[in-house]
Structures are given as C-alpha cells and as structure tokens.
Amino acid sequence: MLRRSRTERIPRRRLSRLTSSGILAGAIQGGRRVRAKIQKWGNGLGLRLPQALAQSSRLEEGSEVELTLVGGRLVVTPVEEDLSLDEMLDQVTDENRHGLLDWGPAVGKEAL
C-alpha cells in the first residue's frame, strides 16, 4: 500500500476531482515522494513500481535498469539500449538525412 507523509498529502478539496491513479500521477509529476513496499520475490527482494511512475520514467516490463547506492540511497536509472549499426541505419530517412557539407579544398596528404 502506498502512503505519503502528512506534509506531502494532497489537500482534501482536490481529492474529489482525482481518481486514485490521478492522485498518484499528480504526486509523481509534482516531484512529491511516493512510498512503496519491498516484497519477497523468490530468493530476493522486489520493488513494484506504480504504473504512473513507470510510465513517466518510460519503463515497461523487461526494461533494463541500473541500480546504484548514492549517499545511502538506492537510485534506479533506466539503461539506454545500445543500438547496432544496422538498427541505427534503419532509422535514417530522407527527412532526417542532411545534405553534403563543403569543407573546402583538400589540404595535406588526403589530397591525391
């Protein structure tokens, strides 16, 4: 169950206008903290991310993350996927391709 400290709770007058996921999304986007429980998962421990938090950080099932400890805090950082040359070239289109650049006349040993 997710809970917030009293100082971080959304004022009661706003609660009636938001669904439970809307409250969570508003808290996350507003920079407020959201609490979650660590639970046993097989022989290890697991942390379930609320849907709004996963969506706002562009995480989905199977996403790779990097875990680090910074000042005694656990930091979860999404890992950018490494694209192969073929995957990068597949993203080149006529619209995002630039024209030839004129660097001036050849100088030095490259001029044959």
PDB file of N, CA and C in Angstrom:
ATOM      1  N   MET A   1       0.845  -1.174   0.000  1.00  0.00           N
ATOM      2  CA  MET A   1       0.000   0.000   0.000  1.00  0.00           C
ATOM      3  C   MET A   1       0.891   1.239   0.000  1.00  0.00           C
ATOM      4  N   LEU A   2       0.559   2.182  -0.837  1.00  0.00           N
ATOM      5  CA  LEU A   2       1.337   3.403  -0.952  1.00  0.00           C
ATOM      6  C   LEU A   2       0.796   4.441   0.023  1.00  0.00           C
ATOM      7  N   ARG A   3       1.701   5.090   0.754  1.00  0.00           N
ATOM      8  CA  ARG A   3       1.287   6.119   1.702  1.00  0.00           C
ATOM      9  C   ARG A   3       2.225   7.293   1.586  1.00  0.00           C
ATOM     10  N   ARG A   4       1.722   8.445   1.921  1.00  0.00           N
ATOM     11  CA  ARG A   4       2.539   9.656   1.958  1.00  0.00           C
ATOM     12  C   ARG A   4       2.526  10.203   3.370  1.00  0.00           C
ATOM     13  N   SER A   5       3.573  10.923   3.694  1.00  0.00           N
ATOM     14  CA  SER A   5       3.578  11.577   4.995  1.00  0.00           C
ATOM     15  C   SER A   5       2.530  12.679   4.984  1.00  0.00           C
ATOM     16  N   ARG A   6       2.101  13.103   6.146  1.00  0.00           N
ATOM     17  CA  ARG A   6       1.029  14.103   6.231  1.00  0.00           C
ATOM     18  C   ARG A   6       1.386  15.405   5.535  1.00  0.00           C
ATOM     19  N   THR A   7       2.647  15.777   5.560  1.00  0.00           N
ATOM     20  CA  THR A   7       3.050  17.042   4.940  1.00  0.00           C
ATOM     21  C   THR A   7       3.003  16.973   3.421  1.00  0.00           C
ATOM     22  N   GLU A   8       2.997  15.757   2.855  1.00  0.00           N
ATOM     23  CA  GLU A   8       3.024  15.608   1.414  1.00  0.00           C
ATOM     24  C   GLU A   8       1.662  15.229   0.832  1.00  0.00           C
ATOM     25  N   ARG A   9       0.641  15.117   1.637  1.00  0.00           N
ATOM     26  CA  ARG A   9      -0.669  14.718   1.150  1.00  0.00           C
ATOM     27  C   ARG A   9      -1.328  15.822   0.343  1.00  0.00           C
ATOM     28  N   ILE A  10      -2.106  15.417  -0.645  1.00  0.00           N
ATOM     29  CA  ILE A  10      -2.840  16.363  -1.480  1.00  0.00           C
ATOM     30  C   ILE A  10      -3.997  16.903  -0.648  1.00  0.00           C
ATOM     31  N   PRO A  11      -4.250  18.205  -0.692  1.00  0.00           N
ATOM     32  CA  PRO A  11      -5.351  18.770   0.094  1.00  0.00           C
ATOM     33  C   PRO A  11      -6.671  18.070  -0.211  1.00  0.00           C
ATOM     34  N   ARG A  12      -7.512  17.936   0.810  1.00  0.00           N
ATOM     35  CA  ARG A  12      -8.759  17.190   0.703  1.00  0.00           C
ATOM     36  C   ARG A  12      -9.661  17.719  -0.417  1.00  0.00           C
ATOM     37  N   ARG A  13      -9.699  19.010  -0.649  1.00  0.00           N
ATOM     38  CA  ARG A  13     -10.592  19.563  -1.670  1.00  0.00           C
ATOM     39  C   ARG A  13     -10.215  19.081  -3.068  1.00  0.00           C
ATOM     40  N   ARG A  14      -8.956  18.731  -3.303  1.00  0.00           N
ATOM     41  CA  ARG A  14      -8.534  18.247  -4.613  1.00  0.00           C
ATOM     42  C   ARG A  14      -8.796  16.765  -4.789  1.00  0.00           C
ATOM     43  N   LEU A  15      -8.938  16.019  -3.707  1.00  0.00           N
ATOM     44  CA  LEU A  15      -9.091  14.573  -3.803  1.00  0.00           C
ATOM     45  C   LEU A  15     -10.349  14.176  -4.551  1.00  0.00           C
ATOM     46  N   SER A  16     -11.412  14.927  -4.419  1.00  0.00           N
ATOM     47  CA  SER A  16     -12.669  14.561  -5.053  1.00  0.00           C
ATOM     48  C   SER A  16     -12.588  14.645  -6.575  1.00  0.00           C
ATOM     49  N   ARG A  17     -11.671  15.414  -7.111  1.00  0.00           N
ATOM     50  CA  ARG A  17     -11.561  15.582  -8.557  1.00  0.00           C
ATOM     51  C   ARG A  17     -10.621  14.580  -9.204  1.00  0.00           C
ATOM     52  N   LEU A  18      -9.879  13.814  -8.422  1.00  0.00           N
ATOM     53  CA  LEU A  18      -8.870  12.927  -8.984  1.00  0.00           C
ATOM     54  C   LEU A  18      -9.180  11.467  -8.687  1.00  0.00           C
ATOM     55  N   THR A  19      -8.906  10.605  -9.657  1.00  0.00           N
ATOM     56  CA  THR A  19      -9.006   9.176  -9.405  1.00  0.00           C
ATOM     57  C   THR A  19      -7.772   8.752  -8.629  1.00  0.00           C
ATOM     58  N   SER A  20      -7.754   7.514  -8.173  1.00  0.00           N
ATOM     59  CA  SER A  20      -6.595   7.068  -7.398  1.00  0.00           C
ATOM     60  C   SER A  20      -5.323   7.126  -8.230  1.00  0.00           C
ATOM     61  N   SER A  21      -5.392   6.760  -9.517  1.00  0.00           N
ATOM     62  CA  SER A  21      -4.191   6.853 -10.354  1.00  0.00           C
ATOM     63  C   SER A  21      -3.862   8.309 -10.661  1.00  0.00           C
ATOM     64  N   GLY A  22      -4.882   9.172 -10.732  1.00  0.00           N
ATOM     65  CA  GLY A  22      -4.643  10.587 -10.963  1.00  0.00           C
ATOM     66  C   GLY A  22      -3.939  11.234  -9.796  1.00  0.00           C
ATOM     67  N   ILE A  23      -4.290  10.822  -8.575  1.00  0.00           N
ATOM     68  CA  ILE A  23      -3.623  11.337  -7.380  1.00  0.00           C
ATOM     69  C   ILE A  23      -2.148  10.954  -7.430  1.00  0.00           C
ATOM     70  N   LEU A  24      -1.898   9.688  -7.776  1.00  0.00           N
ATOM     71  CA  LEU A  24      -0.524   9.203  -7.840  1.00  0.00           C
ATOM     72  C   LEU A  24       0.246   9.925  -8.940  1.00  0.00           C
ATOM     73  N   ALA A  25      -0.367  10.071 -10.112  1.00  0.00           N
ATOM     74  CA  ALA A  25       0.312  10.743 -11.218  1.00  0.00           C
ATOM     75  C   ALA A  25       0.616  12.188 -10.861  1.00  0.00           C
ATOM     76  N   GLY A  26      -0.329  12.862 -10.215  1.00  0.00           N
ATOM     77  CA  GLY A  26      -0.105  14.251  -9.811  1.00  0.00           C
ATOM     78  C   GLY A  26       1.019  14.369  -8.813  1.00  0.00           C
ATOM     79  N   ALA A  27       1.101  13.418  -7.899  1.00  0.00           N
ATOM     80  CA  ALA A  27       2.158  13.450  -6.886  1.00  0.00           C
ATOM     81  C   ALA A  27       3.519  13.213  -7.517  1.00  0.00           C
ATOM     82  N   ILE A  28       3.589  12.286  -8.456  1.00  0.00           N
ATOM     83  CA  ILE A  28       4.866  11.962  -9.082  1.00  0.00           C
ATOM     84  C   ILE A  28       5.325  13.117  -9.960  1.00  0.00           C
ATOM     85  N   GLN A  29       4.440  13.658 -10.782  1.00  0.00           N
ATOM     86  CA  GLN A  29       4.819  14.742 -11.681  1.00  0.00           C
ATOM     87  C   GLN A  29       5.118  16.017 -10.918  1.00  0.00           C
ATOM     88  N   GLY A  30       4.524  16.175  -9.742  1.00  0.00           N
ATOM     89  CA  GLY A  30       4.781  17.355  -8.937  1.00  0.00           C
ATOM     90  C   GLY A  30       6.051  17.254  -8.121  1.00  0.00           C
ATOM     91  N   GLY A  31       6.792  16.149  -8.255  1.00  0.00           N
ATOM     92  CA  GLY A  31       8.050  15.983  -7.553  1.00  0.00           C
ATOM     93  C   GLY A  31       7.898  15.481  -6.129  1.00  0.00           C
ATOM     94  N   ARG A  32       6.688  15.074  -5.744  1.00  0.00           N
ATOM     95  CA  ARG A  32       6.482  14.548  -4.404  1.00  0.00           C
ATOM     96  C   ARG A  32       6.937  13.103  -4.335  1.00  0.00           C
ATOM     97  N   ARG A  33       7.164  12.640  -3.138  1.00  0.00           N
ATOM     98  CA  ARG A  33       7.596  11.260  -2.934  1.00  0.00           C
ATOM     99  C   ARG A  33       6.396  10.335  -2.851  1.00  0.00           C
ATOM    100  N   VAL A  34       6.575   9.135  -3.349  1.00  0.00           N
ATOM    101  CA  VAL A  34       5.573   8.090  -3.254  1.00  0.00           C
ATOM    102  C   VAL A  34       6.237   6.914  -2.560  1.00  0.00           C
ATOM    103  N   ARG A  35       5.550   6.326  -1.604  1.00  0.00           N
ATOM    104  CA  ARG A  35       6.114   5.196  -0.879  1.00  0.00           C
ATOM    105  C   ARG A  35       5.630   3.880  -1.461  1.00  0.00           C
ATOM    106  N   ALA A  36       6.502   2.886  -1.427  1.00  0.00           N
ATOM    107  CA  ALA A  36       6.166   1.538  -1.862  1.00  0.00           C
ATOM    108  C   ALA A  36       6.851   0.570  -0.910  1.00  0.00           C
ATOM    109  N   LYS A  37       6.383  -0.673  -0.884  1.00  0.00           N
ATOM    110  CA  LYS A  37       6.979  -1.685  -0.013  1.00  0.00           C
ATOM    111  C   LYS A  37       7.877  -2.614  -0.808  1.00  0.00           C
ATOM    112  N   ILE A  38       8.966  -2.996  -0.180  1.00  0.00           N
ATOM    113  CA  ILE A  38       9.835  -4.025  -0.720  1.00  0.00           C
ATOM    114  C   ILE A  38       9.207  -5.363  -0.322  1.00  0.00           C
ATOM    115  N   GLN A  39       9.076  -6.275  -1.287  1.00  0.00           N
ATOM    116  CA  GLN A  39       8.442  -7.555  -1.012  1.00  0.00           C
ATOM    117  C   GLN A  39       9.355  -8.691  -1.426  1.00  0.00           C
ATOM    118  N   LYS A  40       9.173  -9.831  -0.782  1.00  0.00           N
ATOM    119  CA  LYS A  40       9.956 -11.012  -1.118  1.00  0.00           C
ATOM    120  C   LYS A  40       9.562 -11.477  -2.514  1.00  0.00           C
ATOM    121  N   TRP A  41      10.566 -11.779  -3.313  1.00  0.00           N
ATOM    122  CA  TRP A  41      10.337 -12.243  -4.675  1.00  0.00           C
ATOM    123  C   TRP A  41      11.322 -13.375  -4.934  1.00  0.00           C
ATOM    124  N   GLY A  42      10.876 -14.591  -4.819  1.00  0.00           N
ATOM    125  CA  GLY A  42      11.756 -15.749  -4.920  1.00  0.00           C
ATOM    126  C   GLY A  42      12.753 -15.713  -3.773  1.00  0.00           C
ATOM    127  N   ASN A  43      14.046 -15.810  -4.089  1.00  0.00           N
ATOM    128  CA  ASN A  43      15.085 -15.729  -3.059  1.00  0.00           C
ATOM    129  C   ASN A  43      15.566 -14.307  -2.835  1.00  0.00           C
ATOM    130  N   GLY A  44      15.019 -13.365  -3.580  1.00  0.00           N
ATOM    131  CA  GLY A  44      15.460 -11.978  -3.464  1.00  0.00           C
ATOM    132  C   GLY A  44      14.321 -11.080  -3.001  1.00  0.00           C
ATOM    133  N   LEU A  45      14.515  -9.797  -3.227  1.00  0.00           N
ATOM    134  CA  LEU A  45      13.514  -8.801  -2.879  1.00  0.00           C
ATOM    135  C   LEU A  45      13.105  -8.057  -4.134  1.00  0.00           C
ATOM    136  N   GLY A  46      11.859  -7.618  -4.177  1.00  0.00           N
ATOM    137  CA  GLY A  46      11.366  -6.902  -5.345  1.00  0.00           C
ATOM    138  C   GLY A  46      10.693  -5.601  -4.950  1.00  0.00           C
ATOM    139  N   LEU A  47      10.737  -4.641  -5.835  1.00  0.00           N
ATOM    140  CA  LEU A  47      10.083  -3.358  -5.653  1.00  0.00           C
ATOM    141  C   LEU A  47       9.131  -3.171  -6.816  1.00  0.00           C
ATOM    142  N   ARG A  48       7.841  -3.041  -6.517  1.00  0.00           N
ATOM    143  CA  ARG A  48       6.843  -2.827  -7.563  1.00  0.00           C
ATOM    144  C   ARG A  48       6.679  -1.335  -7.785  1.00  0.00           C
ATOM    145  N   LEU A  49       6.771  -0.928  -9.032  1.00  0.00           N
ATOM    146  CA  LEU A  49       6.631   0.486  -9.364  1.00  0.00           C
ATOM    147  C   LEU A  49       5.175   0.788  -9.691  1.00  0.00           C
ATOM    148  N   PRO A  50       4.631   1.855  -9.148  1.00  0.00           N
ATOM    149  CA  PRO A  50       3.281   2.263  -9.532  1.00  0.00           C
ATOM    150  C   PRO A  50       3.257   2.576 -11.028  1.00  0.00           C
ATOM    151  N   GLN A  51       2.131   2.305 -11.680  1.00  0.00           N
ATOM    152  CA  GLN A  51       2.004   2.474 -13.120  1.00  0.00           C
ATOM    153  C   GLN A  51       2.359   3.887 -13.575  1.00  0.00           C
ATOM    154  N   ALA A  52       1.880   4.890 -12.856  1.00  0.00           N
ATOM    155  CA  ALA A  52       2.147   6.276 -13.259  1.00  0.00           C
ATOM    156  C   ALA A  52       3.640   6.576 -13.206  1.00  0.00           C
ATOM    157  N   LEU A  53       4.343   6.051 -12.227  1.00  0.00           N
ATOM    158  CA  LEU A  53       5.782   6.266 -12.115  1.00  0.00           C
ATOM    159  C   LEU A  53       6.509   5.561 -13.251  1.00  0.00           C
ATOM    160  N   ALA A  54       6.108   4.327 -13.545  1.00  0.00           N
ATOM    161  CA  ALA A  54       6.736   3.577 -14.637  1.00  0.00           C
ATOM    162  C   ALA A  54       6.523   4.294 -15.965  1.00  0.00           C
ATOM    163  N   GLN A  55       5.302   4.785 -16.200  1.00  0.00           N
ATOM    164  CA  GLN A  55       5.015   5.469 -17.455  1.00  0.00           C
ATOM    165  C   GLN A  55       5.792   6.770 -17.583  1.00  0.00           C
ATOM    166  N   SER A  56       5.853   7.544 -16.508  1.00  0.00           N
ATOM    167  CA  SER A  56       6.541   8.832 -16.592  1.00  0.00           C
ATOM    168  C   SER A  56       8.046   8.661 -16.749  1.00  0.00           C
ATOM    169  N   SER A  57       8.593   7.522 -16.316  1.00  0.00           N
ATOM    170  CA  SER A  57      10.028   7.277 -16.496  1.00  0.00           C
ATOM    171  C   SER A  57      10.292   6.359 -17.691  1.00  0.00           C
ATOM    172  N   ARG A  58       9.235   6.106 -18.478  1.00  0.00           N
ATOM    173  CA  ARG A  58       9.319   5.292 -19.703  1.00  0.00           C
ATOM    174  C   ARG A  58       9.866   3.898 -19.452  1.00  0.00           C
ATOM    175  N   LEU A  59       9.437   3.295 -18.347  1.00  0.00           N
ATOM    176  CA  LEU A  59       9.821   1.923 -18.034  1.00  0.00           C
ATOM    177  C   LEU A  59       8.658   1.003 -18.358  1.00  0.00           C
ATOM    178  N   GLU A  60       8.975  -0.169 -18.855  1.00  0.00           N
ATOM    179  CA  GLU A  60       7.952  -1.168 -19.123  1.00  0.00           C
ATOM    180  C   GLU A  60       8.516  -2.524 -18.754  1.00  0.00           C
ATOM    181  N   GLU A  61       7.668  -3.534 -18.790  1.00  0.00           N
ATOM    182  CA  GLU A  61       8.117  -4.871 -18.438  1.00  0.00           C
ATOM    183  C   GLU A  61       9.298  -5.256 -19.314  1.00  0.00           C
ATOM    184  N   GLY A  62      10.360  -5.731 -18.693  1.00  0.00           N
ATOM    185  CA  GLY A  62      11.559  -6.121 -19.421  1.00  0.00           C
ATOM    186  C   GLY A  62      12.583  -5.012 -19.576  1.00  0.00           C
ATOM    187  N   SER A  63      12.253  -3.787 -19.161  1.00  0.00           N
ATOM    188  CA  SER A  63      13.216  -2.683 -19.244  1.00  0.00           C
ATOM    189  C   SER A  63      14.411  -2.980 -18.351  1.00  0.00           C
ATOM    190  N   GLU A  64      15.576  -2.610 -18.822  1.00  0.00           N
ATOM    191  CA  GLU A  64      16.794  -2.799 -18.039  1.00  0.00           C
ATOM    192  C   GLU A  64      17.090  -1.519 -17.263  1.00  0.00           C
ATOM    193  N   VAL A  65      17.428  -1.666 -15.976  1.00  0.00           N
ATOM    194  CA  VAL A  65      17.763  -0.522 -15.141  1.00  0.00           C
ATOM    195  C   VAL A  65      19.108  -0.759 -14.468  1.00  0.00           C
ATOM    196  N   GLU A  66      19.730   0.324 -14.068  1.00  0.00           N
ATOM    197  CA  GLU A  66      20.991   0.259 -13.327  1.00  0.00           C
ATOM    198  C   GLU A  66      20.705   0.676 -11.895  1.00  0.00           C
ATOM    199  N   LEU A  67      21.179  -0.117 -10.936  1.00  0.00           N
ATOM    200  CA  LEU A  67      20.986   0.180  -9.522  1.00  0.00           C
ATOM    201  C   LEU A  67      22.297   0.664  -8.927  1.00  0.00           C
ATOM    202  N   THR A  68      22.259   1.798  -8.250  1.00  0.00           N
ATOM    203  CA  THR A  68      23.447   2.328  -7.583  1.00  0.00           C
ATOM    204  C   THR A  68      23.062   2.836  -6.201  1.00  0.00           C
ATOM    205  N   LEU A  69      24.023   2.870  -5.313  1.00  0.00           N
ATOM    206  CA  LEU A  69      23.844   3.463  -3.994  1.00  0.00           C
ATOM    207  C   LEU A  69      24.570   4.797  -3.979  1.00  0.00           C
ATOM    208  N   VAL A  70      23.840   5.861  -3.703  1.00  0.00           N
ATOM    209  CA  VAL A  70      24.413   7.201  -3.649  1.00  0.00           C
ATOM    210  C   VAL A  70      24.035   7.805  -2.310  1.00  0.00           C
ATOM    211  N   GLY A  71      25.024   8.006  -1.469  1.00  0.00           N
ATOM    212  CA  GLY A  71      24.758   8.583  -0.152  1.00  0.00           C
ATOM    213  C   GLY A  71      23.776   7.766   0.664  1.00  0.00           C
ATOM    214  N   GLY A  72      23.850   6.445   0.558  1.00  0.00           N
ATOM    215  CA  GLY A  72      22.946   5.572   1.314  1.00  0.00           C
ATOM    216  C   GLY A  72      21.560   5.451   0.704  1.00  0.00           C
ATOM    217  N   ARG A  73      21.332   6.003  -0.484  1.00  0.00           N
ATOM    218  CA  ARG A  73      20.034   5.925  -1.161  1.00  0.00           C
ATOM    219  C   ARG A  73      20.157   5.044  -2.400  1.00  0.00           C
ATOM    220  N   LEU A  74      19.129   4.264  -2.625  1.00  0.00           N
ATOM    221  CA  LEU A  74      19.074   3.431  -3.815  1.00  0.00           C
ATOM    222  C   LEU A  74      18.573   4.281  -4.977  1.00  0.00           C
ATOM    223  N   VAL A  75      19.343   4.321  -6.056  1.00  0.00           N
ATOM    224  CA  VAL A  75      18.976   5.089  -7.238  1.00  0.00           C
ATOM    225  C   VAL A  75      18.765   4.114  -8.391  1.00  0.00           C
ATOM    226  N   VAL A  76      17.595   4.181  -9.016  1.00  0.00           N
ATOM    227  CA  VAL A  76      17.254   3.323 -10.147  1.00  0.00           C
ATOM    228  C   VAL A  76      17.275   4.180 -11.404  1.00  0.00           C
ATOM    229  N   THR A  77      18.133   3.815 -12.348  1.00  0.00           N
ATOM    230  CA  THR A  77      18.304   4.606 -13.574  1.00  0.00           C
ATOM    231  C   THR A  77      18.031   3.738 -14.790  1.00  0.00           C
ATOM    232  N   PRO A  78      17.119   4.159 -15.682  1.00  0.00           N
ATOM    233  CA  PRO A  78      16.891   3.389 -16.910  1.00  0.00           C
ATOM    234  C   PRO A  78      18.167   3.322 -17.744  1.00  0.00           C
ATOM    235  N   VAL A  79      18.418   2.165 -18.341  1.00  0.00           N
ATOM    236  CA  VAL A  79      19.601   1.968 -19.174  1.00  0.00           C
ATOM    237  C   VAL A  79      19.207   2.228 -20.619  1.00  0.00           C
ATOM    238  N   GLU A  80      19.963   3.085 -21.272  1.00  0.00           N
ATOM    239  CA  GLU A  80      19.739   3.349 -22.692  1.00  0.00           C
ATOM    240  C   GLU A  80      20.187   2.117 -23.466  1.00  0.00           C
ATOM    241  N   GLU A  81      19.340   1.669 -24.384  1.00  0.00           N
ATOM    242  CA  GLU A  81      19.710   0.488 -25.147  1.00  0.00           C
ATOM    243  C   GLU A  81      20.775   0.844 -26.174  1.00  0.00           C
ATOM    244  N   ASP A  82      21.728  -0.054 -26.358  1.00  0.00           N
ATOM    245  CA  ASP A  82      22.771   0.133 -27.365  1.00  0.00           C
ATOM    246  C   ASP A  82      22.250  -0.398 -28.691  1.00  0.00           C
ATOM    247  N   LEU A  83      22.209   0.465 -29.685  1.00  0.00           N
ATOM    248  CA  LEU A  83      21.739   0.064 -30.998  1.00  0.00           C
ATOM    249  C   LEU A  83      22.907  -0.414 -31.850  1.00  0.00           C
ATOM    250  N   SER A  84      22.651  -1.428 -32.654  1.00  0.00           N
ATOM    251  CA  SER A  84      23.670  -1.882 -33.595  1.00  0.00           C
ATOM    252  C   SER A  84      23.718  -0.884 -34.757  1.00  0.00           C
ATOM    253  N   LEU A  85      24.737  -0.978 -35.578  1.00  0.00           N
ATOM    254  CA  LEU A  85      24.858  -0.088 -36.727  1.00  0.00           C
ATOM    255  C   LEU A  85      23.656  -0.260 -37.654  1.00  0.00           C
ATOM    256  N   ASP A  86      23.230  -1.496 -37.875  1.00  0.00           N
ATOM    257  CA  ASP A  86      22.070  -1.747 -38.736  1.00  0.00           C
ATOM    258  C   ASP A  86      20.808  -1.104 -38.172  1.00  0.00           C
ATOM    259  N   GLU A  87      20.610  -1.178 -36.842  1.00  0.00           N
ATOM    260  CA  GLU A  87      19.433  -0.568 -36.221  1.00  0.00           C
ATOM    261  C   GLU A  87      19.465   0.955 -36.350  1.00  0.00           C
ATOM    262  N   MET A  88      20.662   1.537 -36.204  1.00  0.00           N
ATOM    263  CA  MET A  88      20.777   2.986 -36.367  1.00  0.00           C
ATOM    264  C   MET A  88      20.512   3.393 -37.809  1.00  0.00           C
ATOM    265  N   LEU A  89      21.051   2.642 -38.767  1.00  0.00           N
ATOM    266  CA  LEU A  89      20.851   2.972 -40.174  1.00  0.00           C
ATOM    267  C   LEU A  89      19.389   2.802 -40.586  1.00  0.00           C
ATOM    268  N   ASP A  90      18.675   1.881 -39.939  1.00  0.00           N
ATOM    269  CA  ASP A  90      17.245   1.701 -40.224  1.00  0.00           C
ATOM    270  C   ASP A  90      16.441   2.951 -39.867  1.00  0.00           C
ATOM    271  N   GLN A  91      16.964   3.773 -38.967  1.00  0.00           N
ATOM    272  CA  GLN A  91      16.252   4.975 -38.533  1.00  0.00           C
ATOM    273  C   GLN A  91      16.525   6.184 -39.432  1.00  0.00           C
ATOM    274  N   VAL A  92      17.452   6.053 -40.395  1.00  0.00           N
ATOM    275  CA  VAL A  92      17.763   7.146 -41.308  1.00  0.00           C
ATOM    276  C   VAL A  92      16.686   7.203 -42.385  1.00  0.00           C
ATOM    277  N   THR A  93      16.104   8.376 -42.557  1.00  0.00           N
ATOM    278  CA  THR A  93      15.084   8.587 -43.596  1.00  0.00           C
ATOM    279  C   THR A  93      15.485   9.795 -44.433  1.00  0.00           C
ATOM    280  N   ASP A  94      14.773  10.022 -45.523  1.00  0.00           N
ATOM    281  CA  ASP A  94      15.037  11.203 -46.352  1.00  0.00           C
ATOM    282  C   ASP A  94      14.796  12.491 -45.566  1.00  0.00           C
ATOM    283  N   GLU A  95      13.845  12.456 -44.625  1.00  0.00           N
ATOM    284  CA  GLU A  95      13.502  13.650 -43.849  1.00  0.00           C
ATOM    285  C   GLU A  95      14.595  14.023 -42.831  1.00  0.00           C
ATOM    286  N   ASN A  96      15.282  13.035 -42.247  1.00  0.00           N
ATOM    287  CA  ASN A  96      16.282  13.365 -41.228  1.00  0.00           C
ATOM    288  C   ASN A  96      17.721  13.266 -41.749  1.00  0.00           C
ATOM    289  N   ARG A  97      17.862  13.102 -43.033  1.00  0.00           N
ATOM    290  CA  ARG A  97      19.198  12.995 -43.632  1.00  0.00           C
ATOM    291  C   ARG A  97      19.660  14.374 -44.086  1.00  0.00           C
ATOM    292  N   HIS A  98      20.863  14.761 -43.721  1.00  0.00           N
ATOM    293  CA  HIS A  98      21.381  16.072 -44.117  1.00  0.00           C
ATOM    294  C   HIS A  98      22.085  15.977 -45.467  1.00  0.00           C
ATOM    295  N   GLY A  99      22.269  17.111 -46.073  1.00  0.00           N
ATOM    296  CA  GLY A  99      22.958  17.169 -47.364  1.00  0.00           C
ATOM    297  C   GLY A  99      24.466  17.089 -47.188  1.00  0.00           C
ATOM    298  N   LEU A 100      25.161  17.151 -48.297  1.00  0.00           N
ATOM    299  CA  LEU A 100      26.625  17.128 -48.257  1.00  0.00           C
ATOM    300  C   LEU A 100      27.148  18.440 -47.683  1.00  0.00           C
ATOM    301  N   LEU A 101      28.278  18.360 -46.989  1.00  0.00           N
ATOM    302  CA  LEU A 101      28.915  19.550 -46.425  1.00  0.00           C
ATOM    303  C   LEU A 101      30.173  19.873 -47.220  1.00  0.00           C
ATOM    304  N   ASP A 102      30.388  21.141 -47.495  1.00  0.00           N
ATOM    305  CA  ASP A 102      31.586  21.572 -48.213  1.00  0.00           C
ATOM    306  C   ASP A 102      32.625  22.011 -47.195  1.00  0.00           C
ATOM    307  N   TRP A 103      33.681  21.246 -47.087  1.00  0.00           N
ATOM    308  CA  TRP A 103      34.748  21.552 -46.130  1.00  0.00           C
ATOM    309  C   TRP A 103      35.865  22.357 -46.781  1.00  0.00           C
ATOM    310  N   GLY A 104      35.685  22.746 -48.029  1.00  0.00           N
ATOM    311  CA  GLY A 104      36.728  23.488 -48.739  1.00  0.00           C
ATOM    312  C   GLY A 104      37.638  22.538 -49.493  1.00  0.00           C
ATOM    313  N   PRO A 105      38.669  23.091 -50.128  1.00  0.00           N
ATOM    314  CA  PRO A 105      39.566  22.229 -50.898  1.00  0.00           C
ATOM    315  C   PRO A 105      40.387  21.313 -49.992  1.00  0.00           C
ATOM    316  N   ALA A 106      40.789  20.182 -50.546  1.00  0.00           N
ATOM    317  CA  ALA A 106      41.607  19.222 -49.792  1.00  0.00           C
ATOM    318  C   ALA A 106      42.994  19.803 -49.538  1.00  0.00           C
ATOM    319  N   VAL A 107      43.493  19.580 -48.352  1.00  0.00           N
ATOM    320  CA  VAL A 107      44.837  20.023 -47.990  1.00  0.00           C
ATOM    321  C   VAL A 107      45.570  18.870 -47.328  1.00  0.00           C
ATOM    322  N   GLY A 108      46.863  18.852 -47.486  1.00  0.00           N
ATOM    323  CA  GLY A 108      47.641  17.803 -46.828  1.00  0.00           C
ATOM    324  C   GLY A 108      47.631  16.494 -47.604  1.00  0.00           C
ATOM    325  N   LYS A 109      47.869  15.403 -46.904  1.00  0.00           N
ATOM    326  CA  LYS A 109      48.054  14.113 -47.555  1.00  0.00           C
ATOM    327  C   LYS A 109      46.756  13.488 -48.069  1.00  0.00           C
ATOM    328  N   GLU A 110      45.563  14.023 -47.657  1.00  0.00           N
ATOM    329  CA  GLU A 110      44.331  13.423 -48.152  1.00  0.00           C
ATOM    330  C   GLU A 110      44.068  13.808 -49.604  1.00  0.00           C
ATOM    331  N   ALA A 111      44.739  14.831 -50.090  1.00  0.00           N
ATOM    332  CA  ALA A 111      44.570  15.241 -51.496  1.00  0.00           C
ATOM    333  C   ALA A 111      45.514  14.407 -52.351  1.00  0.00           C
ATOM    334  N   LEU A 112      44.951  13.528 -53.153  1.00  0.00           N
ATOM    335  CA  LEU A 112      45.808  12.685 -54.010  1.00  0.00           C
ATOM    336  C   LEU A 112      45.673  13.045 -55.438  1.00  0.00           C
TER     337      LEU A 112
END
